[in-house]
Amino acid sequence: MDIKQLKYFLQVCKHKSFSKAAKEIYITQQGLSKAISNLEEELQYPLFYNTTKGIRTTKYGEYLQKQSEHIVQEFDLILEGLNKMANINEGTLTVCFSFGVLNALPPDIISGFQETYPNVELIVKTYPDSICEEVVMNENVDLALSIGPVNGKKFNSTTIKTQYPCMLINEENPLSKKASIDFRDLKNEKFIILNEKFHFHHNFLNKCKESDFEPNIILTTSEIITIHKLSHLNQGIGVSVDFIVNDINYSNVCSIPFTDRSFVWEICLITKKDRFVSHLVKLFTNYVMTH
């Protein structure tokens, strides 16, 4: 016996009619009759009987009606209280950002949210992409803003923003004169790139393999500024993202886009698949999407 069965039962008692009760609760008469039959079978007592004036409750039905009315009322009050709690904009929300993501978003994205929702304690963590996914899976954070592609079997994902990678080519390299770079132009070059903990690393490798070569990666790092510095020193060709060039700019380094516009740096908002999505997670998601 569950609360839905009791609610159905009380509606039949109220209307003294299966058809009228069914209309009231938006269920078919057949479905309602089946639910009451299941309840009677479970209790092992008849709850209604037919008369020339319609259905009436048996003595067992009368007893159940009297005892269950306050139960249903109490349940509705509990549910109402829970809904009120869920819609109060207060509590703690833990958000993880992949390295570099905050720089690609509006500078007031964090402070603006805190000003809008002062009763929400926002805890911000930053990790490489793979660690962001790990902490979301382990439920150590509520959500993350990481870099795609995202495993759809493990995560719910919404693309927030798309940026485009670029090559950092020292002016001493002849490739620096090109307006755009095709992956096939890079076959004999040396590369400086983010390490294996970043999706960007694997995305770049996959694009090179599609062009039938294995890239010669001479150095990997977790610091994008290192890539820019070493490109400045002509230690190799750096792989970066367009918006970062605006903050880290060396006069002897050319930032050249890729011809292949399918090679992207996508910021994705991710949550764990099948995990309950709290009101605060929805609140933060809506805020980010509108900013």
C-alpha atoms as a PDB file:
ATOM      1  CA  MET A   1       0.000   0.000   0.000  1.00  0.00           C
ATOM      2  CA  ASP A   2       1.419   3.377  -0.994  1.00  0.00           C
ATOM      3  CA  ILE A   3       0.341   7.004  -0.768  1.00  0.00           C
ATOM      4  CA  LYS A   4      -0.933   7.094  -4.358  1.00  0.00           C
ATOM      5  CA  GLN A   5      -3.291   4.181  -3.695  1.00  0.00           C
ATOM      6  CA  LEU A   6      -4.637   5.937  -0.615  1.00  0.00           C
ATOM      7  CA  LYS A   7      -5.227   9.124  -2.596  1.00  0.00           C
ATOM      8  CA  TYR A   8      -7.083   7.188  -5.267  1.00  0.00           C
ATOM      9  CA  PHE A   9      -9.140   5.430  -2.613  1.00  0.00           C
ATOM     10  CA  LEU A  10     -10.107   8.699  -0.924  1.00  0.00           C
ATOM     11  CA  GLN A  11     -11.184  10.226  -4.231  1.00  0.00           C
ATOM     12  CA  VAL A  12     -13.545   7.296  -4.837  1.00  0.00           C
ATOM     13  CA  CYS A  13     -14.921   7.733  -1.308  1.00  0.00           C
ATOM     14  CA  LYS A  14     -15.432  11.431  -1.950  1.00  0.00           C
ATOM     15  CA  HIS A  15     -17.244  11.079  -5.272  1.00  0.00           C
ATOM     16  CA  LYS A  16     -18.890   7.686  -4.613  1.00  0.00           C
ATOM     17  CA  SER A  17     -18.148   7.022  -8.274  1.00  0.00           C
ATOM     18  CA  PHE A  18     -15.189   5.548 -10.124  1.00  0.00           C
ATOM     19  CA  SER A  19     -15.874   7.599 -13.252  1.00  0.00           C
ATOM     20  CA  LYS A  20     -16.097  10.941 -11.411  1.00  0.00           C
ATOM     21  CA  ALA A  21     -13.025  10.146  -9.308  1.00  0.00           C
ATOM     22  CA  ALA A  22     -11.065   9.138 -12.405  1.00  0.00           C
ATOM     23  CA  LYS A  23     -11.828  12.494 -14.070  1.00  0.00           C
ATOM     24  CA  GLU A  24     -10.801  14.368 -10.923  1.00  0.00           C
ATOM     25  CA  ILE A  25      -7.362  12.761 -10.772  1.00  0.00           C
ATOM     26  CA  TYR A  26      -6.788  12.516 -14.539  1.00  0.00           C
ATOM     27  CA  ILE A  27      -6.638   8.749 -14.790  1.00  0.00           C
ATOM     28  CA  THR A  28      -8.704   6.298 -16.813  1.00  0.00           C
ATOM     29  CA  GLN A  29     -11.595   4.602 -15.044  1.00  0.00           C
ATOM     30  CA  GLN A  30     -10.029   1.260 -15.896  1.00  0.00           C
ATOM     31  CA  GLY A  31      -6.722   2.326 -14.349  1.00  0.00           C
ATOM     32  CA  LEU A  32      -8.466   3.557 -11.202  1.00  0.00           C
ATOM     33  CA  SER A  33     -10.491   0.351 -10.845  1.00  0.00           C
ATOM     34  CA  LYS A  34      -7.296  -1.672 -11.227  1.00  0.00           C
ATOM     35  CA  ALA A  35      -5.519   0.380  -8.539  1.00  0.00           C
ATOM     36  CA  ILE A  36      -8.422  -0.134  -6.067  1.00  0.00           C
ATOM     37  CA  SER A  37      -8.568  -3.864  -6.862  1.00  0.00           C
ATOM     38  CA  ASN A  38      -4.825  -4.131  -6.169  1.00  0.00           C
ATOM     39  CA  LEU A  39      -5.338  -2.317  -2.856  1.00  0.00           C
ATOM     40  CA  GLU A  40      -8.170  -4.666  -1.846  1.00  0.00           C
ATOM     41  CA  GLU A  41      -6.085  -7.667  -2.814  1.00  0.00           C
ATOM     42  CA  GLU A  42      -3.148  -6.426  -0.783  1.00  0.00           C
ATOM     43  CA  LEU A  43      -5.307  -5.688   2.291  1.00  0.00           C
ATOM     44  CA  GLN A  44      -7.409  -8.832   1.826  1.00  0.00           C
ATOM     45  CA  TYR A  45     -10.593  -6.837   2.557  1.00  0.00           C
ATOM     46  CA  PRO A  46     -13.325  -5.455   0.270  1.00  0.00           C
ATOM     47  CA  LEU A  47     -13.478  -1.659   0.379  1.00  0.00           C
ATOM     48  CA  PHE A  48     -16.565  -0.909  -1.741  1.00  0.00           C
ATOM     49  CA  TYR A  49     -19.841  -2.541  -2.723  1.00  0.00           C
ATOM     50  CA  ASN A  50     -22.432  -1.640  -5.357  1.00  0.00           C
ATOM     51  CA  THR A  51     -25.956  -0.414  -4.573  1.00  0.00           C
ATOM     52  CA  THR A  52     -28.803   0.891  -6.729  1.00  0.00           C
ATOM     53  CA  LYS A  53     -27.675   4.404  -5.771  1.00  0.00           C
ATOM     54  CA  GLY A  54     -24.039   3.790  -6.634  1.00  0.00           C
ATOM     55  CA  ILE A  55     -21.026   2.473  -4.747  1.00  0.00           C
ATOM     56  CA  ARG A  56     -20.661   2.614  -0.960  1.00  0.00           C
ATOM     57  CA  THR A  57     -17.805   1.853   1.388  1.00  0.00           C
ATOM     58  CA  THR A  58     -17.792  -1.361   3.361  1.00  0.00           C
ATOM     59  CA  LYS A  59     -17.052  -1.264   7.079  1.00  0.00           C
ATOM     60  CA  TYR A  60     -13.417  -1.910   6.140  1.00  0.00           C
ATOM     61  CA  GLY A  61     -13.552   0.961   3.662  1.00  0.00           C
ATOM     62  CA  GLU A  62     -15.037   3.274   6.278  1.00  0.00           C
ATOM     63  CA  TYR A  63     -12.259   2.410   8.700  1.00  0.00           C
ATOM     64  CA  LEU A  64      -9.550   2.888   6.067  1.00  0.00           C
ATOM     65  CA  GLN A  65     -11.057   6.207   5.018  1.00  0.00           C
ATOM     66  CA  LYS A  66     -11.079   7.513   8.584  1.00  0.00           C
ATOM     67  CA  GLN A  67      -7.520   6.390   9.295  1.00  0.00           C
ATOM     68  CA  SER A  68      -5.963   7.404   5.978  1.00  0.00           C
ATOM     69  CA  GLU A  69      -7.279  10.964   5.595  1.00  0.00           C
ATOM     70  CA  HIS A  70      -4.862  12.432   8.115  1.00  0.00           C
ATOM     71  CA  ILE A  71      -2.005  10.315   6.696  1.00  0.00           C
ATOM     72  CA  VAL A  72      -2.497  11.801   3.234  1.00  0.00           C
ATOM     73  CA  GLN A  73      -2.790  15.293   4.710  1.00  0.00           C
ATOM     74  CA  GLU A  74       0.451  14.839   6.653  1.00  0.00           C
ATOM     75  CA  PHE A  75       2.222  13.529   3.571  1.00  0.00           C
ATOM     76  CA  ASP A  76       1.097  16.544   1.535  1.00  0.00           C
ATOM     77  CA  LEU A  77       2.365  18.874   4.267  1.00  0.00           C
ATOM     78  CA  ILE A  78       5.736  17.101   4.276  1.00  0.00           C
ATOM     79  CA  LEU A  79       5.952  17.359   0.501  1.00  0.00           C
ATOM     80  CA  GLU A  80       5.043  21.042   0.623  1.00  0.00           C
ATOM     81  CA  GLY A  81       7.762  21.652   3.202  1.00  0.00           C
ATOM     82  CA  LEU A  82      10.340  19.843   1.095  1.00  0.00           C
ATOM     83  CA  ASN A  83       9.390  21.871  -1.964  1.00  0.00           C
ATOM     84  CA  LYS A  84       9.763  25.100  -0.017  1.00  0.00           C
ATOM     85  CA  MET A  85      13.201  24.014   1.184  1.00  0.00           C
ATOM     86  CA  ALA A  86      14.257  23.107  -2.352  1.00  0.00           C
ATOM     87  CA  ASN A  87      13.255  26.499  -3.722  1.00  0.00           C
ATOM     88  CA  ILE A  88      15.088  28.549  -1.118  1.00  0.00           C
ATOM     89  CA  ASN A  89      18.213  30.043  -2.706  1.00  0.00           C
ATOM     90  CA  GLU A  90      20.582  29.134   0.076  1.00  0.00           C
ATOM     91  CA  GLY A  91      23.033  26.363   0.825  1.00  0.00           C
ATOM     92  CA  THR A  92      26.451  25.247  -0.416  1.00  0.00           C
ATOM     93  CA  LEU A  93      27.336  24.622  -4.051  1.00  0.00           C
ATOM     94  CA  THR A  94      30.704  23.226  -5.140  1.00  0.00           C
ATOM     95  CA  VAL A  95      31.739  23.932  -8.726  1.00  0.00           C
ATOM     96  CA  CYS A  96      34.859  22.697 -10.487  1.00  0.00           C
ATOM     97  CA  PHE A  97      36.451  24.546 -13.415  1.00  0.00           C
ATOM     98  CA  SER A  98      39.023  23.123 -15.794  1.00  0.00           C
ATOM     99  CA  PHE A  99      42.248  25.145 -15.980  1.00  0.00           C
ATOM    100  CA  GLY A 100      41.749  28.050 -18.360  1.00  0.00           C
ATOM    101  CA  VAL A 101      37.954  27.970 -18.394  1.00  0.00           C
ATOM    102  CA  LEU A 102      37.474  30.886 -16.014  1.00  0.00           C
ATOM    103  CA  ASN A 103      39.653  33.045 -18.273  1.00  0.00           C
ATOM    104  CA  ALA A 104      37.334  32.319 -21.209  1.00  0.00           C
ATOM    105  CA  LEU A 105      34.190  33.311 -19.318  1.00  0.00           C
ATOM    106  CA  PRO A 106      33.039  36.804 -18.280  1.00  0.00           C
ATOM    107  CA  PRO A 107      35.355  38.062 -15.512  1.00  0.00           C
ATOM    108  CA  ASP A 108      32.435  38.623 -13.135  1.00  0.00           C
ATOM    109  CA  ILE A 109      30.896  35.156 -13.564  1.00  0.00           C
ATOM    110  CA  ILE A 110      31.745  34.147  -9.980  1.00  0.00           C
ATOM    111  CA  SER A 111      31.326  37.489  -8.228  1.00  0.00           C
ATOM    112  CA  GLY A 112      28.122  38.162 -10.141  1.00  0.00           C
ATOM    113  CA  PHE A 113      26.585  34.885  -9.019  1.00  0.00           C
ATOM    114  CA  GLN A 114      27.587  35.544  -5.415  1.00  0.00           C
ATOM    115  CA  GLU A 115      26.081  39.033  -5.522  1.00  0.00           C
ATOM    116  CA  THR A 116      22.865  37.712  -7.059  1.00  0.00           C
ATOM    117  CA  TYR A 117      22.567  34.842  -4.561  1.00  0.00           C
ATOM    118  CA  PRO A 118      24.316  36.012  -1.369  1.00  0.00           C
ATOM    119  CA  ASN A 119      22.913  33.116   0.685  1.00  0.00           C
ATOM    120  CA  VAL A 120      24.560  30.496  -1.511  1.00  0.00           C
ATOM    121  CA  GLU A 121      28.064  29.536  -0.411  1.00  0.00           C
ATOM    122  CA  LEU A 122      29.920  28.954  -3.684  1.00  0.00           C
ATOM    123  CA  ILE A 123      33.030  26.793  -3.406  1.00  0.00           C
ATOM    124  CA  VAL A 124      35.232  26.942  -6.514  1.00  0.00           C
ATOM    125  CA  LYS A 125      37.871  24.340  -7.408  1.00  0.00           C
ATOM    126  CA  THR A 126      40.154  24.191 -10.468  1.00  0.00           C
ATOM    127  CA  TYR A 127      41.702  21.051 -11.987  1.00  0.00           C
ATOM    128  CA  PRO A 128      42.761  19.615 -15.341  1.00  0.00           C
ATOM    129  CA  ASP A 129      39.908  18.229 -17.448  1.00  0.00           C
ATOM    130  CA  SER A 130      40.329  14.581 -16.444  1.00  0.00           C
ATOM    131  CA  ILE A 131      40.369  15.453 -12.744  1.00  0.00           C
ATOM    132  CA  CYS A 132      37.240  17.568 -13.170  1.00  0.00           C
ATOM    133  CA  GLU A 133      35.445  14.553 -14.600  1.00  0.00           C
ATOM    134  CA  GLU A 134      36.783  12.353 -11.803  1.00  0.00           C
ATOM    135  CA  VAL A 135      35.502  14.578  -9.000  1.00  0.00           C
ATOM    136  CA  VAL A 136      32.097  14.868 -10.688  1.00  0.00           C
ATOM    137  CA  MET A 137      31.902  11.063 -10.974  1.00  0.00           C
ATOM    138  CA  ASN A 138      32.911  10.646  -7.311  1.00  0.00           C
ATOM    139  CA  GLU A 139      30.323  13.301  -6.326  1.00  0.00           C
ATOM    140  CA  ASN A 140      32.991  15.422  -4.637  1.00  0.00           C
ATOM    141  CA  VAL A 141      31.594  18.426  -6.532  1.00  0.00           C
ATOM    142  CA  ASP A 142      28.094  19.261  -7.704  1.00  0.00           C
ATOM    143  CA  LEU A 143      29.031  20.120 -11.274  1.00  0.00           C
ATOM    144  CA  ALA A 144      31.977  21.109 -13.435  1.00  0.00           C
ATOM    145  CA  LEU A 145      32.785  23.325 -16.381  1.00  0.00           C
ATOM    146  CA  SER A 146      35.262  21.295 -18.376  1.00  0.00           C
ATOM    147  CA  ILE A 147      36.477  20.844 -21.936  1.00  0.00           C
ATOM    148  CA  GLY A 148      34.802  18.508 -24.405  1.00  0.00           C
ATOM    149  CA  PRO A 149      34.325  15.997 -25.760  1.00  0.00           C
ATOM    150  CA  VAL A 150      32.377  14.557 -22.833  1.00  0.00           C
ATOM    151  CA  ASN A 151      31.478  10.906 -22.276  1.00  0.00           C
ATOM    152  CA  GLY A 152      27.692  10.891 -22.749  1.00  0.00           C
ATOM    153  CA  LYS A 153      27.339   7.567 -20.925  1.00  0.00           C
ATOM    154  CA  LYS A 154      28.727   9.064 -17.713  1.00  0.00           C
ATOM    155  CA  PHE A 155      27.747  12.724 -17.848  1.00  0.00           C
ATOM    156  CA  ASN A 156      24.981  15.109 -18.777  1.00  0.00           C
ATOM    157  CA  SER A 157      26.598  17.856 -20.826  1.00  0.00           C
ATOM    158  CA  THR A 158      25.656  21.306 -22.127  1.00  0.00           C
ATOM    159  CA  THR A 159      28.023  23.321 -24.321  1.00  0.00           C
ATOM    160  CA  ILE A 160      28.499  26.776 -22.813  1.00  0.00           C
ATOM    161  CA  LYS A 161      31.013  28.345 -25.167  1.00  0.00           C
ATOM    162  CA  THR A 162      33.195  27.456 -28.145  1.00  0.00           C
ATOM    163  CA  GLN A 163      36.699  28.834 -28.727  1.00  0.00           C
ATOM    164  CA  TYR A 164      39.205  27.957 -31.434  1.00  0.00           C
ATOM    165  CA  PRO A 165      42.742  26.573 -31.033  1.00  0.00           C
ATOM    166  CA  CYS A 166      45.679  28.237 -32.727  1.00  0.00           C
ATOM    167  CA  MET A 167      49.348  27.595 -33.391  1.00  0.00           C
ATOM    168  CA  LEU A 168      52.032  29.731 -31.743  1.00  0.00           C
ATOM    169  CA  ILE A 169      54.735  30.004 -34.380  1.00  0.00           C
ATOM    170  CA  ASN A 170      57.926  31.967 -33.911  1.00  0.00           C
ATOM    171  CA  GLU A 171      58.551  34.448 -36.717  1.00  0.00           C
ATOM    172  CA  GLU A 172      61.763  32.569 -37.590  1.00  0.00           C
ATOM    173  CA  ASN A 173      59.667  29.602 -38.720  1.00  0.00           C
ATOM    174  CA  PRO A 174      58.480  29.899 -42.365  1.00  0.00           C
ATOM    175  CA  LEU A 175      55.030  28.684 -41.285  1.00  0.00           C
ATOM    176  CA  SER A 176      54.577  31.998 -39.460  1.00  0.00           C
ATOM    177  CA  LYS A 177      53.829  33.616 -42.831  1.00  0.00           C
ATOM    178  CA  LYS A 178      50.730  31.496 -43.436  1.00  0.00           C
ATOM    179  CA  ALA A 179      47.253  32.927 -42.873  1.00  0.00           C
ATOM    180  CA  SER A 180      45.985  29.588 -41.547  1.00  0.00           C
ATOM    181  CA  ILE A 181      47.486  26.215 -40.756  1.00  0.00           C
ATOM    182  CA  ASP A 182      46.468  22.876 -42.210  1.00  0.00           C
ATOM    183  CA  PHE A 183      47.356  19.861 -40.075  1.00  0.00           C
ATOM    184  CA  ARG A 184      49.315  18.443 -42.988  1.00  0.00           C
ATOM    185  CA  ASP A 185      51.630  21.468 -42.770  1.00  0.00           C
ATOM    186  CA  LEU A 186      52.738  20.319 -39.329  1.00  0.00           C
ATOM    187  CA  LYS A 187      54.088  16.861 -40.115  1.00  0.00           C
ATOM    188  CA  ASN A 188      57.775  17.689 -39.546  1.00  0.00           C
ATOM    189  CA  GLU A 189      57.395  20.185 -36.713  1.00  0.00           C
ATOM    190  CA  LYS A 190      58.090  19.943 -32.978  1.00  0.00           C
ATOM    191  CA  PHE A 191      55.262  20.701 -30.578  1.00  0.00           C
ATOM    192  CA  ILE A 192      54.755  22.074 -27.079  1.00  0.00           C
ATOM    193  CA  ILE A 193      51.305  21.289 -25.752  1.00  0.00           C
ATOM    194  CA  LEU A 194      49.198  20.699 -22.653  1.00  0.00           C
ATOM    195  CA  ASN A 195      49.699  17.293 -21.061  1.00  0.00           C
ATOM    196  CA  GLU A 196      47.610  14.113 -21.185  1.00  0.00           C
ATOM    197  CA  LYS A 197      45.298  15.231 -18.372  1.00  0.00           C
ATOM    198  CA  PHE A 198      43.724  17.728 -20.773  1.00  0.00           C
ATOM    199  CA  HIS A 199      41.256  16.800 -23.503  1.00  0.00           C
ATOM    200  CA  PHE A 200      42.958  19.398 -25.691  1.00  0.00           C
ATOM    201  CA  HIS A 201      46.042  17.154 -25.822  1.00  0.00           C
ATOM    202  CA  HIS A 202      44.085  14.159 -27.100  1.00  0.00           C
ATOM    203  CA  ASN A 203      41.991  16.255 -29.477  1.00  0.00           C
ATOM    204  CA  PHE A 204      45.187  17.545 -31.098  1.00  0.00           C
ATOM    205  CA  LEU A 205      46.690  14.057 -31.385  1.00  0.00           C
ATOM    206  CA  ASN A 206      43.518  12.745 -33.006  1.00  0.00           C
ATOM    207  CA  LYS A 207      43.546  15.510 -35.613  1.00  0.00           C
ATOM    208  CA  CYS A 208      47.182  14.779 -36.441  1.00  0.00           C
ATOM    209  CA  LYS A 209      46.411  11.078 -36.827  1.00  0.00           C
ATOM    210  CA  GLU A 210      43.550  11.943 -39.164  1.00  0.00           C
ATOM    211  CA  SER A 211      46.202  13.665 -41.301  1.00  0.00           C
ATOM    212  CA  ASP A 212      48.336  10.483 -41.250  1.00  0.00           C
ATOM    213  CA  PHE A 213      51.159  11.472 -38.936  1.00  0.00           C
ATOM    214  CA  GLU A 214      52.203  11.145 -35.314  1.00  0.00           C
ATOM    215  CA  PRO A 215      53.094  14.571 -33.910  1.00  0.00           C
ATOM    216  CA  ASN A 216      56.582  15.066 -32.487  1.00  0.00           C
ATOM    217  CA  ILE A 217      55.698  16.397 -29.017  1.00  0.00           C
ATOM    218  CA  ILE A 218      58.871  17.549 -27.324  1.00  0.00           C
ATOM    219  CA  LEU A 219      57.278  18.904 -24.138  1.00  0.00           C
ATOM    220  CA  THR A 220      53.974  18.734 -22.305  1.00  0.00           C
ATOM    221  CA  THR A 221      52.908  20.978 -19.439  1.00  0.00           C
ATOM    222  CA  SER A 222      49.925  21.917 -17.317  1.00  0.00           C
ATOM    223  CA  GLU A 223      50.757  25.631 -17.671  1.00  0.00           C
ATOM    224  CA  ILE A 224      49.606  27.368 -20.837  1.00  0.00           C
ATOM    225  CA  ILE A 225      51.969  30.275 -20.137  1.00  0.00           C
ATOM    226  CA  THR A 226      54.906  27.864 -20.474  1.00  0.00           C
ATOM    227  CA  ILE A 227      53.748  26.999 -23.988  1.00  0.00           C
ATOM    228  CA  HIS A 228      53.736  30.684 -24.917  1.00  0.00           C
ATOM    229  CA  LYS A 229      57.160  31.340 -23.361  1.00  0.00           C
ATOM    230  CA  LEU A 230      58.829  28.432 -25.149  1.00  0.00           C
ATOM    231  CA  SER A 231      57.255  29.449 -28.444  1.00  0.00           C
ATOM    232  CA  HIS A 232      58.710  32.911 -27.843  1.00  0.00           C
ATOM    233  CA  LEU A 233      62.119  31.264 -27.407  1.00  0.00           C
ATOM    234  CA  ASN A 234      61.578  29.255 -30.618  1.00  0.00           C
ATOM    235  CA  GLN A 235      61.872  25.935 -28.796  1.00  0.00           C
ATOM    236  CA  GLY A 236      58.997  24.512 -30.833  1.00  0.00           C
ATOM    237  CA  ILE A 237      55.496  25.269 -32.058  1.00  0.00           C
ATOM    238  CA  GLY A 238      52.997  25.867 -29.282  1.00  0.00           C
ATOM    239  CA  VAL A 239      49.366  24.814 -29.377  1.00  0.00           C
ATOM    240  CA  SER A 240      47.094  27.305 -27.603  1.00  0.00           C
ATOM    241  CA  VAL A 241      43.603  28.804 -27.786  1.00  0.00           C
ATOM    242  CA  ASP A 242      42.608  32.079 -29.445  1.00  0.00           C
ATOM    243  CA  PHE A 243      41.359  33.969 -26.375  1.00  0.00           C
ATOM    244  CA  ILE A 244      44.565  33.284 -24.407  1.00  0.00           C
ATOM    245  CA  VAL A 245      46.640  35.120 -27.017  1.00  0.00           C
ATOM    246  CA  ASN A 246      44.905  38.339 -25.964  1.00  0.00           C
ATOM    247  CA  ASP A 247      46.446  37.986 -22.491  1.00  0.00           C
ATOM    248  CA  ILE A 248      49.818  36.446 -23.403  1.00  0.00           C
ATOM    249  CA  ASN A 249      51.243  38.145 -26.458  1.00  0.00           C
ATOM    250  CA  TYR A 250      54.873  38.071 -27.648  1.00  0.00           C
ATOM    251  CA  SER A 251      55.810  40.313 -30.570  1.00  0.00           C
ATOM    252  CA  ASN A 252      57.922  37.618 -32.248  1.00  0.00           C
ATOM    253  CA  VAL A 253      55.220  34.924 -32.045  1.00  0.00           C
ATOM    254  CA  CYS A 254      52.447  34.659 -34.607  1.00  0.00           C
ATOM    255  CA  SER A 255      49.093  33.254 -33.557  1.00  0.00           C
ATOM    256  CA  ILE A 256      47.735  31.388 -36.568  1.00  0.00           C
ATOM    257  CA  PRO A 257      44.312  29.687 -36.681  1.00  0.00           C
ATOM    258  CA  PHE A 258      43.676  26.209 -38.044  1.00  0.00           C
ATOM    259  CA  THR A 259      42.054  25.746 -41.426  1.00  0.00           C
ATOM    260  CA  ASP A 260      40.019  22.915 -39.892  1.00  0.00           C
ATOM    261  CA  ARG A 261      37.238  24.719 -37.984  1.00  0.00           C
ATOM    262  CA  SER A 262      35.980  21.436 -36.524  1.00  0.00           C
ATOM    263  CA  PHE A 263      39.012  21.524 -34.219  1.00  0.00           C
ATOM    264  CA  VAL A 264      37.484  23.400 -31.277  1.00  0.00           C
ATOM    265  CA  TRP A 265      37.938  24.110 -27.575  1.00  0.00           C
ATOM    266  CA  GLU A 266      34.454  23.649 -26.146  1.00  0.00           C
ATOM    267  CA  ILE A 267      33.479  24.550 -22.604  1.00  0.00           C
ATOM    268  CA  CYS A 268      30.880  22.085 -21.375  1.00  0.00           C
ATOM    269  CA  LEU A 269      28.855  22.189 -18.186  1.00  0.00           C
ATOM    270  CA  ILE A 270      28.722  18.619 -16.887  1.00  0.00           C
ATOM    271  CA  THR A 271      26.896  16.740 -14.145  1.00  0.00           C
ATOM    272  CA  LYS A 272      26.939  13.072 -13.274  1.00  0.00           C
ATOM    273  CA  LYS A 273      24.483  10.942 -15.215  1.00  0.00           C
ATOM    274  CA  ASP A 274      21.462   9.802 -13.184  1.00  0.00           C
ATOM    275  CA  ARG A 275      22.446  11.896 -10.154  1.00  0.00           C
ATOM    276  CA  PHE A 276      19.695  14.038  -8.627  1.00  0.00           C
ATOM    277  CA  VAL A 277      19.977  17.603  -9.929  1.00  0.00           C
ATOM    278  CA  SER A 278      19.510  19.963  -6.992  1.00  0.00           C
ATOM    279  CA  HIS A 279      17.837  23.352  -7.079  1.00  0.00           C
ATOM    280  CA  LEU A 280      21.214  25.083  -6.598  1.00  0.00           C
ATOM    281  CA  VAL A 281      22.743  23.224  -9.549  1.00  0.00           C
ATOM    282  CA  LYS A 282      19.818  24.340 -11.726  1.00  0.00           C
ATOM    283  CA  LEU A 283      20.219  27.873 -10.364  1.00  0.00           C
ATOM    284  CA  PHE A 284      23.916  28.030 -11.261  1.00  0.00           C
ATOM    285  CA  THR A 285      23.343  26.400 -14.662  1.00  0.00           C
ATOM    286  CA  ASN A 286      20.674  28.932 -15.581  1.00  0.00           C
ATOM    287  CA  TYR A 287      22.881  31.790 -14.400  1.00  0.00           C
ATOM    288  CA  VAL A 288      25.834  30.639 -16.517  1.00  0.00           C
ATOM    289  CA  MET A 289      23.668  30.028 -19.579  1.00  0.00           C
ATOM    290  CA  THR A 290      22.216  33.542 -19.446  1.00  0.00           C
ATOM    291  CA  HIS A 291      25.625  35.185 -18.978  1.00  0.00           C
END
